Amino acid sequence: MKIRVDRVKCEGHSRCYALAPELVDVDDLGNAFELNDGIVPVGLEERAQLMVDNCPEYAVEIVEG
């Protein structure tokens, strides 16, 4: 499983970072980017789904990989 953050859609709310700092980090403006090339380690799949479900801009998505 992989995640992808659309940096154009991201408006820096940092909800994803608050939910799963193991999967994303944020820049100085709060805009998220994937860690570890977006690969979701085993055991963090639910956290990845929480990020998707809680992004107000729908900027985080799960992609197969």
C-alpha atoms as a PDB file:
ATOM      1  CA  MET A   1       0.000   0.000   0.000  1.00  0.00           C
ATOM      2  CA  LYS A   2       1.164   3.503  -0.803  1.00  0.00           C
ATOM      3  CA  ILE A   3      -0.149   6.987  -0.161  1.00  0.00           C
ATOM      4  CA  ARG A   4       0.166  10.042  -2.330  1.00  0.00           C
ATOM      5  CA  VAL A   5      -0.274  13.675  -1.336  1.00  0.00           C
ATOM      6  CA  ASP A   6      -1.422  16.056  -4.057  1.00  0.00           C
ATOM      7  CA  ARG A   7       0.630  19.127  -3.212  1.00  0.00           C
ATOM      8  CA  VAL A   8      -1.564  21.328  -5.387  1.00  0.00           C
ATOM      9  CA  LYS A   9      -4.684  20.431  -3.397  1.00  0.00           C
ATOM     10  CA  CYS A  10      -2.990  20.483   0.027  1.00  0.00           C
ATOM     11  CA  GLU A  11      -3.723  23.694   1.920  1.00  0.00           C
ATOM     12  CA  GLY A  12      -1.627  22.987   4.984  1.00  0.00           C
ATOM     13  CA  HIS A  13      -4.201  21.989   7.599  1.00  0.00           C
ATOM     14  CA  SER A  14      -1.735  19.287   8.773  1.00  0.00           C
ATOM     15  CA  ARG A  15      -4.486  16.898   9.855  1.00  0.00           C
ATOM     16  CA  CYS A  16      -2.653  14.068   8.125  1.00  0.00           C
ATOM     17  CA  TYR A  17       0.508  14.849  10.063  1.00  0.00           C
ATOM     18  CA  ALA A  18      -1.424  14.948  13.336  1.00  0.00           C
ATOM     19  CA  LEU A  19      -2.916  11.522  12.568  1.00  0.00           C
ATOM     20  CA  ALA A  20       0.154   9.768  11.176  1.00  0.00           C
ATOM     21  CA  PRO A  21       3.511  11.536  11.524  1.00  0.00           C
ATOM     22  CA  GLU A  22       5.106   8.192  10.623  1.00  0.00           C
ATOM     23  CA  LEU A  23       3.708   8.500   7.089  1.00  0.00           C
ATOM     24  CA  VAL A  24       3.956  12.201   6.235  1.00  0.00           C
ATOM     25  CA  ASP A  25       5.882  15.275   7.215  1.00  0.00           C
ATOM     26  CA  VAL A  26       5.067  18.929   6.599  1.00  0.00           C
ATOM     27  CA  ASP A  27       7.057  21.830   5.237  1.00  0.00           C
ATOM     28  CA  ASP A  28       7.325  25.282   6.833  1.00  0.00           C
ATOM     29  CA  LEU A  29       3.872  26.207   5.498  1.00  0.00           C
ATOM     30  CA  GLY A  30       2.223  23.050   6.828  1.00  0.00           C
ATOM     31  CA  ASN A  31       1.932  21.401   3.422  1.00  0.00           C
ATOM     32  CA  ALA A  32       2.310  17.631   3.612  1.00  0.00           C
ATOM     33  CA  PHE A  33       4.615  15.314   1.714  1.00  0.00           C
ATOM     34  CA  GLU A  34       5.034  11.555   1.854  1.00  0.00           C
ATOM     35  CA  LEU A  35       7.791   9.850   3.785  1.00  0.00           C
ATOM     36  CA  ASN A  36       9.492   6.678   2.569  1.00  0.00           C
ATOM     37  CA  ASP A  37       8.321   7.203  -1.036  1.00  0.00           C
ATOM     38  CA  GLY A  38       4.731   6.912   0.188  1.00  0.00           C
ATOM     39  CA  ILE A  39       5.088   3.285   1.236  1.00  0.00           C
ATOM     40  CA  VAL A  40       2.819   2.463   4.172  1.00  0.00           C
ATOM     41  CA  PRO A  41       4.518   0.014   6.565  1.00  0.00           C
ATOM     42  CA  VAL A  42       2.582  -3.025   7.726  1.00  0.00           C
ATOM     43  CA  GLY A  43       0.418  -2.099  10.686  1.00  0.00           C
ATOM     44  CA  LEU A  44      -0.154   1.521   9.634  1.00  0.00           C
ATOM     45  CA  GLU A  45      -2.816   0.866   7.006  1.00  0.00           C
ATOM     46  CA  GLU A  46      -5.620   2.108   9.270  1.00  0.00           C
ATOM     47  CA  ARG A  47      -3.715   5.318   9.954  1.00  0.00           C
ATOM     48  CA  ALA A  48      -3.305   5.838   6.216  1.00  0.00           C
ATOM     49  CA  GLN A  49      -7.045   5.442   5.736  1.00  0.00           C
ATOM     50  CA  LEU A  50      -7.699   7.914   8.578  1.00  0.00           C
ATOM     51  CA  MET A  51      -5.549  10.482   6.777  1.00  0.00           C
ATOM     52  CA  VAL A  52      -7.531  10.002   3.574  1.00  0.00           C
ATOM     53  CA  ASP A  53     -10.837  10.246   5.407  1.00  0.00           C
ATOM     54  CA  ASN A  54      -9.873  13.389   7.340  1.00  0.00           C
ATOM     55  CA  CYS A  55      -8.296  15.535   4.629  1.00  0.00           C
ATOM     56  CA  PRO A  56     -10.685  18.443   3.947  1.00  0.00           C
ATOM     57  CA  GLU A  57      -9.157  19.018   0.498  1.00  0.00           C
ATOM     58  CA  TYR A  58      -9.063  15.336  -0.499  1.00  0.00           C
ATOM     59  CA  ALA A  59      -5.344  15.773  -1.103  1.00  0.00           C
ATOM     60  CA  VAL A  60      -4.323  12.390   0.311  1.00  0.00           C
ATOM     61  CA  GLU A  61      -5.081   9.191  -1.533  1.00  0.00           C
ATOM     62  CA  ILE A  62      -4.209   5.540  -1.263  1.00  0.00           C
ATOM     63  CA  VAL A  63      -2.647   4.069  -4.363  1.00  0.00           C
ATOM     64  CA  GLU A  64      -1.762   0.477  -5.052  1.00  0.00           C
ATOM     65  CA  GLY A  65       1.902  -0.253  -5.056  1.00  0.00           C
END
